[in-house]
């Protein structure tokens, strides 16, 4: 994992300006989309000519574009702790993991259930709350999303590289990577190329199912954290030699996958577009 890379918040926080007739409370809906290890210039709206991000660029054009942004800690676990609680990571005990700068599999540390999360605040206000993607605030049962204010959770307990195919697996000896549906493990070692797609589909389904309620949707993508991943639809634009190399890939080749960064970002932008479309369908 790139412990010195920073996590980029694509969509800081936005409230849907339109409301369905069924949402009688007339409360705004909140969506946070979070990406992992993405630089600020890796978006078209911030000058990135190497990527195609039309959906995000349109949001920047029509909404608010932040040009000065600071984080308490540019790492997976502490930045998420700050986002969920509004507190400095050190105050909530998550500036680091027990034996590593971030939480690893089976770490005894996690987000204390006594801390108040944004999901808990909104749930108490009558919101339906859903999280789809990477948690990374503790994988023990008492620390997981369903114990921290989320009605629904689908995704990973930590980074998708904390798995047996890690390039330094001999050092870490990671167990199989679990996929959770709420508190149940439904799959081990998922195909990484489909993670963004599956996360997006569940987020869209949650929006569609909760059109009669105010809702909070948190979508922390696993990408573009290494190893980079993209589903076949987005790999079509990759150079032929890269596609061929990935076909012959033994395990996970980080160096080859580093070359599909544009495709990974394109899929993230597609995901944003899918979520925006789901919102528009319910309020038009």
C-alpha atoms as a PDB file:
ATOM      1  CA  UNK A   1       0.000   0.000   0.000  1.00  0.00           C
ATOM      2  CA  UNK A   2       1.165   3.531  -0.685  1.00  0.00           C
ATOM      3  CA  UNK A   3       1.336   4.874   2.848  1.00  0.00           C
ATOM      4  CA  UNK A   4       2.738   8.209   1.719  1.00  0.00           C
ATOM      5  CA  UNK A   5       0.060   8.910  -0.862  1.00  0.00           C
ATOM      6  CA  UNK A   6      -2.880  11.070  -0.050  1.00  0.00           C
ATOM      7  CA  UNK A   7      -6.537  10.304  -0.297  1.00  0.00           C
ATOM      8  CA  UNK A   8      -8.544  12.679  -2.421  1.00  0.00           C
ATOM      9  CA  UNK A   9     -12.095  13.620  -1.646  1.00  0.00           C
ATOM     10  CA  UNK A  10     -13.838  13.913  -5.011  1.00  0.00           C
ATOM     11  CA  UNK A  11     -17.157  15.182  -3.811  1.00  0.00           C
ATOM     12  CA  UNK A  12     -16.774  16.806  -0.441  1.00  0.00           C
ATOM     13  CA  UNK A  13     -20.418  16.758   0.495  1.00  0.00           C
ATOM     14  CA  UNK A  14     -23.411  17.780  -1.494  1.00  0.00           C
ATOM     15  CA  UNK A  15     -27.089  17.949  -0.802  1.00  0.00           C
ATOM     16  CA  UNK A  16     -29.474  17.058  -3.578  1.00  0.00           C
ATOM     17  CA  UNK A  17     -31.340  20.254  -4.378  1.00  0.00           C
ATOM     18  CA  UNK A  18     -34.425  18.520  -5.680  1.00  0.00           C
ATOM     19  CA  UNK A  19     -36.828  16.480  -3.595  1.00  0.00           C
ATOM     20  CA  UNK A  20     -39.229  13.737  -4.505  1.00  0.00           C
ATOM     21  CA  UNK A  21     -42.865  14.238  -3.710  1.00  0.00           C
ATOM     22  CA  UNK A  22     -42.698  11.099  -1.593  1.00  0.00           C
ATOM     23  CA  UNK A  23     -40.037  12.665   0.645  1.00  0.00           C
ATOM     24  CA  UNK A  24     -42.576  14.545   2.743  1.00  0.00           C
ATOM     25  CA  UNK A  25     -39.972  15.642   5.290  1.00  0.00           C
ATOM     26  CA  UNK A  26     -38.362  17.787   2.583  1.00  0.00           C
ATOM     27  CA  UNK A  27     -34.930  17.075   4.058  1.00  0.00           C
ATOM     28  CA  UNK A  28     -31.909  17.201   1.738  1.00  0.00           C
ATOM     29  CA  UNK A  29     -30.210  13.957   0.820  1.00  0.00           C
ATOM     30  CA  UNK A  30     -26.464  13.668   1.406  1.00  0.00           C
ATOM     31  CA  UNK A  31     -23.935  11.819  -0.727  1.00  0.00           C
ATOM     32  CA  UNK A  32     -20.208  11.495  -0.054  1.00  0.00           C
ATOM     33  CA  UNK A  33     -18.013   9.860  -2.693  1.00  0.00           C
ATOM     34  CA  UNK A  34     -14.473   9.188  -1.506  1.00  0.00           C
ATOM     35  CA  UNK A  35     -11.532   7.973  -3.563  1.00  0.00           C
ATOM     36  CA  UNK A  36      -8.304   6.430  -2.360  1.00  0.00           C
ATOM     37  CA  UNK A  37      -4.817   7.727  -3.279  1.00  0.00           C
ATOM     38  CA  UNK A  38      -6.034  10.066  -6.010  1.00  0.00           C
ATOM     39  CA  UNK A  39      -4.120  13.281  -6.633  1.00  0.00           C
ATOM     40  CA  UNK A  40      -5.894  16.613  -7.079  1.00  0.00           C
ATOM     41  CA  UNK A  41      -4.589  16.953 -10.660  1.00  0.00           C
ATOM     42  CA  UNK A  42      -6.029  13.574 -11.658  1.00  0.00           C
ATOM     43  CA  UNK A  43      -9.303  15.198 -12.700  1.00  0.00           C
ATOM     44  CA  UNK A  44     -10.058  17.134 -15.851  1.00  0.00           C
ATOM     45  CA  UNK A  45     -11.466  20.050 -13.876  1.00  0.00           C
ATOM     46  CA  UNK A  46      -8.095  20.420 -12.130  1.00  0.00           C
ATOM     47  CA  UNK A  47      -6.038  20.284 -15.313  1.00  0.00           C
ATOM     48  CA  UNK A  48      -5.570  16.545 -15.705  1.00  0.00           C
ATOM     49  CA  UNK A  49      -5.151  15.977 -19.445  1.00  0.00           C
ATOM     50  CA  UNK A  50      -4.245  12.309 -18.898  1.00  0.00           C
ATOM     51  CA  UNK A  51      -7.731  11.400 -17.626  1.00  0.00           C
ATOM     52  CA  UNK A  52     -11.305  11.729 -18.843  1.00  0.00           C
ATOM     53  CA  UNK A  53     -13.732  12.792 -16.101  1.00  0.00           C
ATOM     54  CA  UNK A  54     -16.750  14.434 -17.787  1.00  0.00           C
ATOM     55  CA  UNK A  55     -19.233  13.765 -14.985  1.00  0.00           C
ATOM     56  CA  UNK A  56     -17.015  15.167 -12.262  1.00  0.00           C
ATOM     57  CA  UNK A  57     -15.978  18.072 -14.478  1.00  0.00           C
ATOM     58  CA  UNK A  58     -19.637  18.955 -15.032  1.00  0.00           C
ATOM     59  CA  UNK A  59     -20.240  18.914 -11.285  1.00  0.00           C
ATOM     60  CA  UNK A  60     -17.301  21.255 -10.796  1.00  0.00           C
ATOM     61  CA  UNK A  61     -18.699  23.540 -13.486  1.00  0.00           C
ATOM     62  CA  UNK A  62     -22.199  23.637 -12.040  1.00  0.00           C
ATOM     63  CA  UNK A  63     -21.322  23.506  -8.348  1.00  0.00           C
ATOM     64  CA  UNK A  64     -18.501  24.510  -6.029  1.00  0.00           C
ATOM     65  CA  UNK A  65     -14.868  23.726  -6.805  1.00  0.00           C
ATOM     66  CA  UNK A  66     -12.528  23.671  -3.809  1.00  0.00           C
ATOM     67  CA  UNK A  67      -9.026  24.903  -4.606  1.00  0.00           C
ATOM     68  CA  UNK A  68      -7.489  24.860  -1.127  1.00  0.00           C
ATOM     69  CA  UNK A  69      -7.923  21.682   0.874  1.00  0.00           C
ATOM     70  CA  UNK A  70      -6.038  20.242   3.838  1.00  0.00           C
ATOM     71  CA  UNK A  71      -6.226  16.928   5.655  1.00  0.00           C
ATOM     72  CA  UNK A  72      -5.245  15.985   9.183  1.00  0.00           C
ATOM     73  CA  UNK A  73      -3.492  12.842   7.944  1.00  0.00           C
ATOM     74  CA  UNK A  74      -3.104  11.744   4.284  1.00  0.00           C
ATOM     75  CA  UNK A  75      -3.570   8.040   5.023  1.00  0.00           C
ATOM     76  CA  UNK A  76      -6.444   5.576   4.746  1.00  0.00           C
ATOM     77  CA  UNK A  77      -7.437   4.948   8.364  1.00  0.00           C
ATOM     78  CA  UNK A  78      -6.828   8.372   9.964  1.00  0.00           C
ATOM     79  CA  UNK A  79      -8.461  10.350   7.153  1.00  0.00           C
ATOM     80  CA  UNK A  80     -11.590   8.185   7.334  1.00  0.00           C
ATOM     81  CA  UNK A  81     -11.705   8.511  11.096  1.00  0.00           C
ATOM     82  CA  UNK A  82     -11.635  12.292  10.708  1.00  0.00           C
ATOM     83  CA  UNK A  83     -14.355  12.219   8.063  1.00  0.00           C
ATOM     84  CA  UNK A  84     -16.677  10.002  10.078  1.00  0.00           C
ATOM     85  CA  UNK A  85     -16.257  11.790  13.409  1.00  0.00           C
ATOM     86  CA  UNK A  86     -15.163  15.345  12.601  1.00  0.00           C
ATOM     87  CA  UNK A  87     -12.289  14.835  15.050  1.00  0.00           C
ATOM     88  CA  UNK A  88      -8.535  14.726  14.682  1.00  0.00           C
ATOM     89  CA  UNK A  89      -7.548  11.073  14.138  1.00  0.00           C
ATOM     90  CA  UNK A  90      -5.233  11.078  17.145  1.00  0.00           C
ATOM     91  CA  UNK A  91      -8.076  12.163  19.425  1.00  0.00           C
ATOM     92  CA  UNK A  92     -10.102   9.098  18.453  1.00  0.00           C
ATOM     93  CA  UNK A  93      -7.078   6.782  18.668  1.00  0.00           C
ATOM     94  CA  UNK A  94      -6.717   6.140  14.941  1.00  0.00           C
ATOM     95  CA  UNK A  95      -3.689   8.160  13.912  1.00  0.00           C
ATOM     96  CA  UNK A  96      -2.082   4.756  13.207  1.00  0.00           C
ATOM     97  CA  UNK A  97      -2.793   1.086  13.510  1.00  0.00           C
ATOM     98  CA  UNK A  98      -1.205  -1.012  16.251  1.00  0.00           C
ATOM     99  CA  UNK A  99       1.773  -2.137  14.186  1.00  0.00           C
ATOM    100  CA  UNK A 100       1.510  -0.154  10.967  1.00  0.00           C
ATOM    101  CA  UNK A 101       0.581   3.370   9.820  1.00  0.00           C
ATOM    102  CA  UNK A 102      -2.923   2.078   8.968  1.00  0.00           C
ATOM    103  CA  UNK A 103      -5.096  -0.737  10.280  1.00  0.00           C
ATOM    104  CA  UNK A 104      -4.206  -4.156   8.904  1.00  0.00           C
ATOM    105  CA  UNK A 105      -6.303  -7.326   8.951  1.00  0.00           C
ATOM    106  CA  UNK A 106      -7.325  -8.453  12.447  1.00  0.00           C
ATOM    107  CA  UNK A 107      -5.930  -5.343  14.154  1.00  0.00           C
ATOM    108  CA  UNK A 108      -7.433  -5.010  17.618  1.00  0.00           C
ATOM    109  CA  UNK A 109      -7.890  -1.262  17.129  1.00  0.00           C
ATOM    110  CA  UNK A 110     -10.871   0.384  15.477  1.00  0.00           C
ATOM    111  CA  UNK A 111     -13.289   3.290  15.688  1.00  0.00           C
ATOM    112  CA  UNK A 112     -14.623   3.282  19.240  1.00  0.00           C
ATOM    113  CA  UNK A 113     -18.409   2.694  19.144  1.00  0.00           C
ATOM    114  CA  UNK A 114     -18.745   5.460  21.721  1.00  0.00           C
ATOM    115  CA  UNK A 115     -17.621   8.009  19.129  1.00  0.00           C
ATOM    116  CA  UNK A 116     -20.417   9.807  17.295  1.00  0.00           C
ATOM    117  CA  UNK A 117     -20.313   9.414  13.520  1.00  0.00           C
ATOM    118  CA  UNK A 118     -21.981  11.458  10.804  1.00  0.00           C
ATOM    119  CA  UNK A 119     -24.102   8.386  10.030  1.00  0.00           C
ATOM    120  CA  UNK A 120     -25.381   8.233  13.611  1.00  0.00           C
ATOM    121  CA  UNK A 121     -26.258  11.916  13.633  1.00  0.00           C
ATOM    122  CA  UNK A 122     -28.231  11.627  10.396  1.00  0.00           C
ATOM    123  CA  UNK A 123     -29.877   8.364  11.410  1.00  0.00           C
ATOM    124  CA  UNK A 124     -31.159  10.021  14.582  1.00  0.00           C
ATOM    125  CA  UNK A 125     -32.572  12.765  12.348  1.00  0.00           C
ATOM    126  CA  UNK A 126     -34.659  10.234  10.432  1.00  0.00           C
ATOM    127  CA  UNK A 127     -32.295   9.406   7.575  1.00  0.00           C
ATOM    128  CA  UNK A 128     -31.696   6.031   5.983  1.00  0.00           C
ATOM    129  CA  UNK A 129     -27.942   5.465   5.936  1.00  0.00           C
ATOM    130  CA  UNK A 130     -25.929   3.317   3.555  1.00  0.00           C
ATOM    131  CA  UNK A 131     -22.243   2.694   2.977  1.00  0.00           C
ATOM    132  CA  UNK A 132     -20.792   0.935  -0.064  1.00  0.00           C
ATOM    133  CA  UNK A 133     -17.070   0.435  -0.448  1.00  0.00           C
ATOM    134  CA  UNK A 134     -13.982   0.458   1.753  1.00  0.00           C
ATOM    135  CA  UNK A 135     -14.410   0.970   5.507  1.00  0.00           C
ATOM    136  CA  UNK A 136     -10.899   0.671   7.027  1.00  0.00           C
ATOM    137  CA  UNK A 137     -11.875   1.762  10.537  1.00  0.00           C
ATOM    138  CA  UNK A 138     -11.549  -1.623  12.190  1.00  0.00           C
ATOM    139  CA  UNK A 139     -12.546  -5.117  11.058  1.00  0.00           C
ATOM    140  CA  UNK A 140     -13.621  -6.490  14.445  1.00  0.00           C
ATOM    141  CA  UNK A 141     -17.433  -6.831  14.771  1.00  0.00           C
ATOM    142  CA  UNK A 142     -17.845  -3.961  17.246  1.00  0.00           C
ATOM    143  CA  UNK A 143     -16.090  -1.504  14.907  1.00  0.00           C
ATOM    144  CA  UNK A 144     -17.899  -2.260  11.637  1.00  0.00           C
ATOM    145  CA  UNK A 145     -20.290   0.125   9.792  1.00  0.00           C
ATOM    146  CA  UNK A 146     -23.519  -1.459  11.025  1.00  0.00           C
ATOM    147  CA  UNK A 147     -22.371  -0.664  14.561  1.00  0.00           C
ATOM    148  CA  UNK A 148     -21.477   2.914  13.615  1.00  0.00           C
ATOM    149  CA  UNK A 149     -24.808   4.231  12.342  1.00  0.00           C
ATOM    150  CA  UNK A 150     -25.148   2.625   8.912  1.00  0.00           C
ATOM    151  CA  UNK A 151     -28.379   0.773   8.164  1.00  0.00           C
ATOM    152  CA  UNK A 152     -26.811  -0.945   5.173  1.00  0.00           C
ATOM    153  CA  UNK A 153     -23.232  -1.868   4.290  1.00  0.00           C
ATOM    154  CA  UNK A 154     -21.673  -3.652   1.339  1.00  0.00           C
ATOM    155  CA  UNK A 155     -17.965  -3.720   0.726  1.00  0.00           C
ATOM    156  CA  UNK A 156     -14.563  -4.371   2.246  1.00  0.00           C
ATOM    157  CA  UNK A 157     -13.383  -3.986   5.845  1.00  0.00           C
ATOM    158  CA  UNK A 158     -10.070  -2.483   4.676  1.00  0.00           C
ATOM    159  CA  UNK A 159      -8.021  -1.840   1.526  1.00  0.00           C
ATOM    160  CA  UNK A 160      -8.348  -4.294  -1.345  1.00  0.00           C
ATOM    161  CA  UNK A 161      -4.574  -4.806  -1.294  1.00  0.00           C
ATOM    162  CA  UNK A 162      -4.694  -6.370   2.178  1.00  0.00           C
ATOM    163  CA  UNK A 163      -5.035  -9.785   0.577  1.00  0.00           C
ATOM    164  CA  UNK A 164      -2.938 -12.873  -0.258  1.00  0.00           C
ATOM    165  CA  UNK A 165      -1.802 -11.466  -3.628  1.00  0.00           C
ATOM    166  CA  UNK A 166      -0.087  -8.441  -2.064  1.00  0.00           C
ATOM    167  CA  UNK A 167       3.328  -7.866  -3.611  1.00  0.00           C
ATOM    168  CA  UNK A 168       4.898  -8.249  -0.129  1.00  0.00           C
ATOM    169  CA  UNK A 169       2.738 -11.127   1.025  1.00  0.00           C
ATOM    170  CA  UNK A 170       5.751 -13.029   2.367  1.00  0.00           C
ATOM    171  CA  UNK A 171       6.218 -10.207   4.862  1.00  0.00           C
ATOM    172  CA  UNK A 172       2.573  -9.579   5.761  1.00  0.00           C
ATOM    173  CA  UNK A 173       0.958 -13.022   5.420  1.00  0.00           C
ATOM    174  CA  UNK A 174      -2.477 -11.496   4.838  1.00  0.00           C
ATOM    175  CA  UNK A 175      -5.571 -13.720   5.069  1.00  0.00           C
ATOM    176  CA  UNK A 176      -8.241 -13.929   2.377  1.00  0.00           C
ATOM    177  CA  UNK A 177      -9.982 -10.630   1.618  1.00  0.00           C
ATOM    178  CA  UNK A 178     -13.629 -10.740   2.755  1.00  0.00           C
ATOM    179  CA  UNK A 179     -16.583  -9.059   1.062  1.00  0.00           C
ATOM    180  CA  UNK A 180     -19.319  -8.213   3.549  1.00  0.00           C
ATOM    181  CA  UNK A 181     -23.033  -7.660   3.051  1.00  0.00           C
ATOM    182  CA  UNK A 182     -23.935  -5.943   6.297  1.00  0.00           C
ATOM    183  CA  UNK A 183     -22.333  -8.176   8.952  1.00  0.00           C
ATOM    184  CA  UNK A 184     -22.144 -11.338   6.859  1.00  0.00           C
ATOM    185  CA  UNK A 185     -19.111 -12.437   4.855  1.00  0.00           C
ATOM    186  CA  UNK A 186     -20.539 -13.353   1.444  1.00  0.00           C
ATOM    187  CA  UNK A 187     -17.343 -13.853  -0.558  1.00  0.00           C
ATOM    188  CA  UNK A 188     -13.592 -14.263  -0.185  1.00  0.00           C
ATOM    189  CA  UNK A 189     -10.923 -12.855  -2.499  1.00  0.00           C
ATOM    190  CA  UNK A 190     -13.252 -11.152  -5.001  1.00  0.00           C
ATOM    191  CA  UNK A 191     -12.196 -10.336  -8.551  1.00  0.00           C
ATOM    192  CA  UNK A 192     -10.668  -6.887  -7.982  1.00  0.00           C
ATOM    193  CA  UNK A 193     -11.519  -5.639 -11.470  1.00  0.00           C
ATOM    194  CA  UNK A 194     -15.234  -5.615 -10.640  1.00  0.00           C
ATOM    195  CA  UNK A 195     -15.115  -3.961  -7.223  1.00  0.00           C
ATOM    196  CA  UNK A 196     -15.896  -0.416  -8.424  1.00  0.00           C
ATOM    197  CA  UNK A 197     -18.791  -1.692 -10.518  1.00  0.00           C
ATOM    198  CA  UNK A 198     -20.301  -3.750  -7.691  1.00  0.00           C
ATOM    199  CA  UNK A 199     -19.953  -0.925  -5.187  1.00  0.00           C
ATOM    200  CA  UNK A 200     -21.665   1.482  -7.589  1.00  0.00           C
ATOM    201  CA  UNK A 201     -24.531  -0.885  -8.311  1.00  0.00           C
ATOM    202  CA  UNK A 202     -25.285  -1.306  -4.621  1.00  0.00           C
ATOM    203  CA  UNK A 203     -25.173   2.441  -4.012  1.00  0.00           C
ATOM    204  CA  UNK A 204     -27.600   3.053  -6.869  1.00  0.00           C
ATOM    205  CA  UNK A 205     -29.913   0.316  -5.591  1.00  0.00           C
ATOM    206  CA  UNK A 206     -29.934   1.927  -2.141  1.00  0.00           C
ATOM    207  CA  UNK A 207     -30.912   5.287  -3.642  1.00  0.00           C
ATOM    208  CA  UNK A 208     -33.706   3.690  -5.656  1.00  0.00           C
ATOM    209  CA  UNK A 209     -35.057   1.796  -2.657  1.00  0.00           C
ATOM    210  CA  UNK A 210     -35.116   4.830  -0.389  1.00  0.00           C
ATOM    211  CA  UNK A 211     -36.813   7.412  -2.579  1.00  0.00           C
ATOM    212  CA  UNK A 212     -39.480   7.926   0.073  1.00  0.00           C
ATOM    213  CA  UNK A 213     -36.953   8.718   2.793  1.00  0.00           C
ATOM    214  CA  UNK A 214     -34.212  11.265   3.282  1.00  0.00           C
ATOM    215  CA  UNK A 215     -30.943   9.357   2.945  1.00  0.00           C
ATOM    216  CA  UNK A 216     -27.200   9.520   3.464  1.00  0.00           C
ATOM    217  CA  UNK A 217     -25.025   7.553   1.034  1.00  0.00           C
ATOM    218  CA  UNK A 218     -21.298   7.102   1.649  1.00  0.00           C
ATOM    219  CA  UNK A 219     -19.328   5.605  -1.258  1.00  0.00           C
ATOM    220  CA  UNK A 220     -15.623   5.188  -0.388  1.00  0.00           C
ATOM    221  CA  UNK A 221     -14.085   3.590  -3.468  1.00  0.00           C
ATOM    222  CA  UNK A 222     -11.163   1.202  -3.251  1.00  0.00           C
ATOM    223  CA  UNK A 223      -9.578   2.961  -6.259  1.00  0.00           C
ATOM    224  CA  UNK A 224      -7.189   4.276  -7.396  1.00  0.00           C
ATOM    225  CA  UNK A 225      -5.263   2.667  -4.535  1.00  0.00           C
ATOM    226  CA  UNK A 226      -2.746   0.122  -5.844  1.00  0.00           C
ATOM    227  CA  UNK A 227      -3.109  -2.403  -7.348  1.00  0.00           C
ATOM    228  CA  UNK A 228      -5.089  -0.475  -9.942  1.00  0.00           C
ATOM    229  CA  UNK A 229      -8.234  -2.098 -11.264  1.00  0.00           C
ATOM    230  CA  UNK A 230     -10.840  -1.554 -13.948  1.00  0.00           C
ATOM    231  CA  UNK A 231     -13.678  -3.656 -15.354  1.00  0.00           C
ATOM    232  CA  UNK A 232     -13.524  -4.941 -18.968  1.00  0.00           C
ATOM    233  CA  UNK A 233     -15.661  -2.106 -20.357  1.00  0.00           C
ATOM    234  CA  UNK A 234     -13.060   0.454 -19.312  1.00  0.00           C
ATOM    235  CA  UNK A 235     -10.094  -1.719 -20.224  1.00  0.00           C
ATOM    236  CA  UNK A 236     -11.138  -1.434 -23.876  1.00  0.00           C
ATOM    237  CA  UNK A 237      -9.359   1.923 -24.060  1.00  0.00           C
ATOM    238  CA  UNK A 238      -6.081   0.562 -22.650  1.00  0.00           C
ATOM    239  CA  UNK A 239      -3.185  -0.100 -25.048  1.00  0.00           C
ATOM    240  CA  UNK A 240      -3.301  -3.563 -26.586  1.00  0.00           C
ATOM    241  CA  UNK A 241       0.031  -4.574 -25.045  1.00  0.00           C
ATOM    242  CA  UNK A 242      -1.291  -3.748 -21.584  1.00  0.00           C
ATOM    243  CA  UNK A 243      -4.462  -5.761 -22.140  1.00  0.00           C
ATOM    244  CA  UNK A 244      -2.401  -8.705 -23.340  1.00  0.00           C
ATOM    245  CA  UNK A 245      -0.052  -8.424 -20.374  1.00  0.00           C
ATOM    246  CA  UNK A 246      -2.969  -8.500 -17.960  1.00  0.00           C
ATOM    247  CA  UNK A 247      -4.377 -11.588 -19.688  1.00  0.00           C
ATOM    248  CA  UNK A 248      -1.108 -13.337 -18.923  1.00  0.00           C
ATOM    249  CA  UNK A 249      -0.843 -11.823 -15.463  1.00  0.00           C
ATOM    250  CA  UNK A 250       0.311 -14.211 -12.772  1.00  0.00           C
ATOM    251  CA  UNK A 251      -1.401 -13.160  -9.592  1.00  0.00           C
ATOM    252  CA  UNK A 252      -1.462  -9.356  -9.429  1.00  0.00           C
ATOM    253  CA  UNK A 253       1.286  -7.433 -11.251  1.00  0.00           C
ATOM    254  CA  UNK A 254       1.397  -3.985  -9.656  1.00  0.00           C
ATOM    255  CA  UNK A 255       3.738  -2.502 -12.274  1.00  0.00           C
ATOM    256  CA  UNK A 256       1.571  -3.519 -15.214  1.00  0.00           C
ATOM    257  CA  UNK A 257      -1.546  -2.290 -13.446  1.00  0.00           C
ATOM    258  CA  UNK A 258       0.070   1.068 -12.742  1.00  0.00           C
ATOM    259  CA  UNK A 259      -0.344   1.737 -16.464  1.00  0.00           C
ATOM    260  CA  UNK A 260      -4.151   1.567 -16.375  1.00  0.00           C
ATOM    261  CA  UNK A 261      -4.556   4.681 -14.221  1.00  0.00           C
ATOM    262  CA  UNK A 262      -6.631   6.538 -16.859  1.00  0.00           C
ATOM    263  CA  UNK A 263      -8.987   3.568 -17.120  1.00  0.00           C
ATOM    264  CA  UNK A 264      -9.371   3.376 -13.343  1.00  0.00           C
ATOM    265  CA  UNK A 265     -10.207   7.073 -13.101  1.00  0.00           C
ATOM    266  CA  UNK A 266     -12.633   6.755 -16.019  1.00  0.00           C
ATOM    267  CA  UNK A 267     -14.530   4.057 -14.127  1.00  0.00           C
ATOM    268  CA  UNK A 268     -14.692   6.227 -11.015  1.00  0.00           C
ATOM    269  CA  UNK A 269     -16.138   9.022 -13.140  1.00  0.00           C
ATOM    270  CA  UNK A 270     -18.661   6.567 -14.598  1.00  0.00           C
ATOM    271  CA  UNK A 271     -19.624   5.628 -11.051  1.00  0.00           C
ATOM    272  CA  UNK A 272     -20.238   9.275 -10.188  1.00  0.00           C
ATOM    273  CA  UNK A 273     -22.403   9.554 -13.301  1.00  0.00           C
ATOM    274  CA  UNK A 274     -24.442   6.497 -12.314  1.00  0.00           C
ATOM    275  CA  UNK A 275     -25.129   7.938  -8.869  1.00  0.00           C
ATOM    276  CA  UNK A 276     -26.070  11.326 -10.311  1.00  0.00           C
ATOM    277  CA  UNK A 277     -28.412   9.655 -12.798  1.00  0.00           C
ATOM    278  CA  UNK A 278     -30.073   7.707  -9.991  1.00  0.00           C
ATOM    279  CA  UNK A 279     -30.661  10.945  -8.094  1.00  0.00           C
ATOM    280  CA  UNK A 280     -32.059  12.735 -11.139  1.00  0.00           C
ATOM    281  CA  UNK A 281     -34.483   9.901 -11.916  1.00  0.00           C
ATOM    282  CA  UNK A 282     -36.049  10.225  -8.495  1.00  0.00           C
ATOM    283  CA  UNK A 283     -36.493  13.963  -8.559  1.00  0.00           C
ATOM    284  CA  UNK A 284     -37.588  14.704 -12.113  1.00  0.00           C
END
